[in-house]
Structure formats: C-alpha cells, structure tokens
Amino acid sequence: MIQPNELRVGNYVKGIDDAYIDRDNKINENIFRVSLIAKDVVKLDIGFDAVQRYERNPIISPSLKELKPIPLTEQWLIDFGFENKYCDDEDNPIYKFNSIEIVKLLFKDKFNLYASFPSIEIKHIHQLQNLYFALTGEELKLNQ
C-alpha cells in the first residue's frame, strides 16, 4: 500500500482491481496518473498508457488501499527521458538525465540516485519538506 505522504499529483500508480490477462497470458495492470489527493481518497486519470501517453476521463479511487506502486525499471527510466550513457567499473549501467545519474546495481537488482545541482532555490516550507522526504524517506518534523 502507498502511504498518503508518498504521493504527489502527477505520480503514476497501479490499480489493484484493474488487472487483466493479455494475449500472452501475462497479467497487466492499468496505470493511472494521480490528479488530486484528498485525505485517503485519490482522483485518478484513467487511460494512461506508458507507450502511447494518452489520458481520458478522471475517476475517483475510494481508498489508497486500492493503489500500489509501480516498480522502477530501466524501461521506465528511458520513458522518462534518461539515457544509458555508460557503465561504471563494475559494469552497472548508468542512466543520465540533466544533472541526475541513476545507477542500476546489477548484483542487488536496485537503483541508486546520484545528483549534483549547482543550487536549488527553496522559497517555501513545503518545498523543503518535500525535498527532505524525497531524499530521506522520512518526514521533516519541527523540534518541540
């Protein structure tokens, strides 16, 4: 299950009840784009297709429990515009987009992100909170 603080408008998620079997007997699940978040109800744009990139009528998901995350794959990185530029010393492929590099660790089957930014202007508290959460996976809390 996805936690509400992990979602942002524009995120892509899978719908649990929307799986179907394709011609090759593989289970496929519809991919949705989050368009609104309110308490534990999420408005989703349906009809998103990772290849054709089209959207249709919005629907409401009654609960976050019906949504699940989409595993990160090399194909998703390519679909988002990352390019496989080179490999590191251990032959792990490195994908690059602007100043962000993502390394696919072959021996652990996971991805690591490396970024170098000259500077990012942060004007508002929510920007700091979102950035902190994205980098650490934890909420930024006020000291009591």
C-alpha atoms as a PDB file:
ATOM      1  CA  MET A   1       0.000   0.000   0.000  1.00  0.00           C
ATOM      2  CA  ILE A   2       1.157   3.514  -0.758  1.00  0.00           C
ATOM      3  CA  GLN A   3       1.206   5.946   2.158  1.00  0.00           C
ATOM      4  CA  PRO A   4      -0.569   9.288   1.551  1.00  0.00           C
ATOM      5  CA  ASN A   5       2.625  11.277   2.241  1.00  0.00           C
ATOM      6  CA  GLU A   6       4.401   9.376  -0.537  1.00  0.00           C
ATOM      7  CA  LEU A   7       2.012  10.562  -3.262  1.00  0.00           C
ATOM      8  CA  ARG A   8       2.103  13.780  -5.253  1.00  0.00           C
ATOM      9  CA  VAL A   9      -0.155  14.993  -8.028  1.00  0.00           C
ATOM     10  CA  GLY A  10       1.334  13.673 -11.263  1.00  0.00           C
ATOM     11  CA  ASN A  11       2.629  10.396  -9.769  1.00  0.00           C
ATOM     12  CA  TYR A  12       1.906   7.155 -11.609  1.00  0.00           C
ATOM     13  CA  VAL A  13       0.399   4.205  -9.711  1.00  0.00           C
ATOM     14  CA  LYS A  14      -1.192   0.824 -10.437  1.00  0.00           C
ATOM     15  CA  GLY A  15      -4.774  -0.099  -9.658  1.00  0.00           C
ATOM     16  CA  ILE A  16      -5.108  -3.439  -7.875  1.00  0.00           C
ATOM     17  CA  ASP A  17      -8.582  -4.271  -9.172  1.00  0.00           C
ATOM     18  CA  ASP A  18      -7.782  -3.327 -12.744  1.00  0.00           C
ATOM     19  CA  ALA A  19      -5.563  -6.255 -13.690  1.00  0.00           C
ATOM     20  CA  TYR A  20      -6.309  -8.238 -16.802  1.00  0.00           C
ATOM     21  CA  ILE A  21      -4.653 -11.086 -18.700  1.00  0.00           C
ATOM     22  CA  ASP A  22      -3.267 -10.180 -22.113  1.00  0.00           C
ATOM     23  CA  ARG A  23      -2.852 -12.393 -25.191  1.00  0.00           C
ATOM     24  CA  ASP A  24       0.468 -13.747 -23.913  1.00  0.00           C
ATOM     25  CA  ASN A  25      -1.132 -14.823 -20.604  1.00  0.00           C
ATOM     26  CA  LYS A  26       0.733 -12.086 -18.749  1.00  0.00           C
ATOM     27  CA  ILE A  27      -1.002 -10.089 -16.042  1.00  0.00           C
ATOM     28  CA  ASN A  28      -1.198  -6.410 -16.970  1.00  0.00           C
ATOM     29  CA  GLU A  29      -2.412  -3.682 -14.665  1.00  0.00           C
ATOM     30  CA  ASN A  30      -3.797  -0.324 -15.592  1.00  0.00           C
ATOM     31  CA  ILE A  31      -1.516   2.590 -14.875  1.00  0.00           C
ATOM     32  CA  PHE A  32      -3.100   5.735 -13.502  1.00  0.00           C
ATOM     33  CA  ARG A  33      -1.896   9.296 -13.055  1.00  0.00           C
ATOM     34  CA  VAL A  34      -2.781  10.955  -9.740  1.00  0.00           C
ATOM     35  CA  SER A  35      -4.630  14.224 -10.369  1.00  0.00           C
ATOM     36  CA  LEU A  36      -5.912  15.067  -6.852  1.00  0.00           C
ATOM     37  CA  ILE A  37      -5.264  13.878  -3.314  1.00  0.00           C
ATOM     38  CA  ALA A  38      -7.782  14.490  -0.510  1.00  0.00           C
ATOM     39  CA  LYS A  39      -7.427  12.667   2.815  1.00  0.00           C
ATOM     40  CA  ASP A  40      -7.333   8.990   1.760  1.00  0.00           C
ATOM     41  CA  VAL A  41      -9.254   9.488  -1.499  1.00  0.00           C
ATOM     42  CA  VAL A  42      -7.344   9.960  -4.732  1.00  0.00           C
ATOM     43  CA  LYS A  43      -8.614  11.246  -8.079  1.00  0.00           C
ATOM     44  CA  LEU A  44      -7.010   9.364 -10.942  1.00  0.00           C
ATOM     45  CA  ASP A  45      -6.766   9.975 -14.673  1.00  0.00           C
ATOM     46  CA  ILE A  46      -7.586   6.717 -16.420  1.00  0.00           C
ATOM     47  CA  GLY A  47      -6.486   5.542 -19.817  1.00  0.00           C
ATOM     48  CA  PHE A  48      -2.795   6.326 -19.336  1.00  0.00           C
ATOM     49  CA  ASP A  49      -0.642   4.084 -21.455  1.00  0.00           C
ATOM     50  CA  ALA A  50       3.114   4.133 -20.881  1.00  0.00           C
ATOM     51  CA  VAL A  51       3.818   3.888 -24.598  1.00  0.00           C
ATOM     52  CA  GLN A  52       1.052   5.927 -26.211  1.00  0.00           C
ATOM     53  CA  ARG A  53       0.792   8.515 -23.406  1.00  0.00           C
ATOM     54  CA  TYR A  54      -2.878   9.390 -23.556  1.00  0.00           C
ATOM     55  CA  GLU A  55      -5.331  10.318 -20.811  1.00  0.00           C
ATOM     56  CA  ARG A  56      -9.113  10.216 -20.648  1.00  0.00           C
ATOM     57  CA  ASN A  57     -11.860  10.717 -18.081  1.00  0.00           C
ATOM     58  CA  PRO A  58     -10.916  11.002 -14.406  1.00  0.00           C
ATOM     59  CA  ILE A  59     -12.205   8.556 -11.802  1.00  0.00           C
ATOM     60  CA  ILE A  60     -12.157   8.557  -8.024  1.00  0.00           C
ATOM     61  CA  SER A  61     -10.435   5.782  -6.108  1.00  0.00           C
ATOM     62  CA  PRO A  62     -12.376   5.160  -2.916  1.00  0.00           C
ATOM     63  CA  SER A  63      -9.224   4.356  -0.962  1.00  0.00           C
ATOM     64  CA  LEU A  64      -5.447   4.419  -1.152  1.00  0.00           C
ATOM     65  CA  LYS A  65      -5.600   0.710  -0.318  1.00  0.00           C
ATOM     66  CA  GLU A  66      -6.612   0.052  -3.917  1.00  0.00           C
ATOM     67  CA  LEU A  67      -3.404   1.577  -5.270  1.00  0.00           C
ATOM     68  CA  LYS A  68       0.057   0.109  -5.411  1.00  0.00           C
ATOM     69  CA  PRO A  69       3.432   1.436  -6.507  1.00  0.00           C
ATOM     70  CA  ILE A  70       4.954   0.700  -9.893  1.00  0.00           C
ATOM     71  CA  PRO A  71       8.393  -0.905  -9.613  1.00  0.00           C
ATOM     72  CA  LEU A  72      11.186   1.153 -11.152  1.00  0.00           C
ATOM     73  CA  THR A  73      12.697  -0.483 -14.225  1.00  0.00           C
ATOM     74  CA  GLU A  74      15.224   0.529 -16.821  1.00  0.00           C
ATOM     75  CA  GLN A  75      12.366   0.952 -19.310  1.00  0.00           C
ATOM     76  CA  TRP A  76      10.643   3.496 -17.032  1.00  0.00           C
ATOM     77  CA  LEU A  77      13.895   5.471 -16.827  1.00  0.00           C
ATOM     78  CA  ILE A  78      14.090   5.541 -20.627  1.00  0.00           C
ATOM     79  CA  ASP A  79      10.403   6.505 -20.884  1.00  0.00           C
ATOM     80  CA  PHE A  80      11.101   9.481 -18.571  1.00  0.00           C
ATOM     81  CA  GLY A  81      13.986  10.622 -20.782  1.00  0.00           C
ATOM     82  CA  PHE A  82      17.013   9.101 -19.040  1.00  0.00           C
ATOM     83  CA  GLU A  83      19.728   7.834 -21.368  1.00  0.00           C
ATOM     84  CA  ASN A  84      22.072   4.930 -20.758  1.00  0.00           C
ATOM     85  CA  LYS A  85      25.331   6.872 -21.118  1.00  0.00           C
ATOM     86  CA  TYR A  86      27.938   4.437 -19.825  1.00  0.00           C
ATOM     87  CA  CYS A  87      28.718   1.792 -17.202  1.00  0.00           C
ATOM     88  CA  ASP A  88      30.708   2.075 -14.009  1.00  0.00           C
ATOM     89  CA  ASP A  89      33.795  -0.008 -13.138  1.00  0.00           C
ATOM     90  CA  GLU A  90      31.582  -2.969 -12.191  1.00  0.00           C
ATOM     91  CA  ASP A  91      29.586  -2.841 -15.461  1.00  0.00           C
ATOM     92  CA  ASN A  92      26.497  -1.359 -13.753  1.00  0.00           C
ATOM     93  CA  PRO A  93      24.582   0.716 -16.320  1.00  0.00           C
ATOM     94  CA  ILE A  94      24.343   4.437 -15.559  1.00  0.00           C
ATOM     95  CA  TYR A  95      21.332   6.424 -16.753  1.00  0.00           C
ATOM     96  CA  LYS A  96      21.618  10.193 -17.011  1.00  0.00           C
ATOM     97  CA  PHE A  97      19.051  12.980 -17.282  1.00  0.00           C
ATOM     98  CA  ASN A  98      20.213  16.573 -16.788  1.00  0.00           C
ATOM     99  CA  SER A  99      22.322  16.562 -13.603  1.00  0.00           C
ATOM    100  CA  ILE A 100      20.871  13.312 -12.230  1.00  0.00           C
ATOM    101  CA  GLU A 101      22.522   9.927 -12.640  1.00  0.00           C
ATOM    102  CA  ILE A 102      20.849   6.671 -11.669  1.00  0.00           C
ATOM    103  CA  VAL A 103      22.972   3.549 -11.364  1.00  0.00           C
ATOM    104  CA  LYS A 104      21.341   0.140 -11.822  1.00  0.00           C
ATOM    105  CA  LEU A 105      23.164  -2.104  -9.346  1.00  0.00           C
ATOM    106  CA  LEU A 106      23.105  -5.441 -11.127  1.00  0.00           C
ATOM    107  CA  PHE A 107      24.212  -7.565  -8.175  1.00  0.00           C
ATOM    108  CA  LYS A 108      21.463  -6.152  -5.901  1.00  0.00           C
ATOM    109  CA  ASP A 109      18.776  -5.524  -8.544  1.00  0.00           C
ATOM    110  CA  LYS A 110      18.155  -1.992  -7.294  1.00  0.00           C
ATOM    111  CA  PHE A 111      18.758   1.601  -8.354  1.00  0.00           C
ATOM    112  CA  ASN A 112      20.841   4.321  -6.678  1.00  0.00           C
ATOM    113  CA  LEU A 113      20.393   8.005  -7.487  1.00  0.00           C
ATOM    114  CA  TYR A 114      23.248  10.499  -7.614  1.00  0.00           C
ATOM    115  CA  ALA A 115      22.667  14.168  -8.231  1.00  0.00           C
ATOM    116  CA  SER A 116      24.783  17.262  -8.442  1.00  0.00           C
ATOM    117  CA  PHE A 117      22.956  20.542  -8.507  1.00  0.00           C
ATOM    118  CA  PRO A 118      24.669  23.930  -8.577  1.00  0.00           C
ATOM    119  CA  SER A 119      21.877  25.198  -6.333  1.00  0.00           C
ATOM    120  CA  ILE A 120      18.172  24.739  -5.855  1.00  0.00           C
ATOM    121  CA  GLU A 121      16.218  27.746  -4.685  1.00  0.00           C
ATOM    122  CA  ILE A 122      13.833  26.833  -1.896  1.00  0.00           C
ATOM    123  CA  LYS A 123      11.355  29.569  -1.001  1.00  0.00           C
ATOM    124  CA  HIS A 124       8.682  27.721   0.910  1.00  0.00           C
ATOM    125  CA  ILE A 125       8.412  25.281   3.808  1.00  0.00           C
ATOM    126  CA  HIS A 126       6.510  22.678   1.758  1.00  0.00           C
ATOM    127  CA  GLN A 127       9.342  22.624  -0.799  1.00  0.00           C
ATOM    128  CA  LEU A 128      11.853  21.871   1.965  1.00  0.00           C
ATOM    129  CA  GLN A 129       9.569  19.205   3.442  1.00  0.00           C
ATOM    130  CA  ASN A 130       9.006  17.524   0.055  1.00  0.00           C
ATOM    131  CA  LEU A 131      12.698  17.562  -0.832  1.00  0.00           C
ATOM    132  CA  TYR A 132      13.692  16.194   2.570  1.00  0.00           C
ATOM    133  CA  PHE A 133      11.106  13.411   2.309  1.00  0.00           C
ATOM    134  CA  ALA A 134      12.164  12.531  -1.242  1.00  0.00           C
ATOM    135  CA  LEU A 135      15.822  12.237  -0.235  1.00  0.00           C
ATOM    136  CA  THR A 136      15.428  10.514   3.135  1.00  0.00           C
ATOM    137  CA  GLY A 137      12.024   8.785   3.104  1.00  0.00           C
ATOM    138  CA  GLU A 138      11.239  10.479   6.407  1.00  0.00           C
ATOM    139  CA  GLU A 139       9.107  13.466   7.341  1.00  0.00           C
ATOM    140  CA  LEU A 140      10.843  16.676   8.356  1.00  0.00           C
ATOM    141  CA  LYS A 141       9.480  17.497  11.807  1.00  0.00           C
ATOM    142  CA  LEU A 142       9.639  20.606  13.965  1.00  0.00           C
ATOM    143  CA  ASN A 143      11.647  20.357  17.170  1.00  0.00           C
ATOM    144  CA  GLN A 144       9.345  20.549  20.171  1.00  0.00           C
END
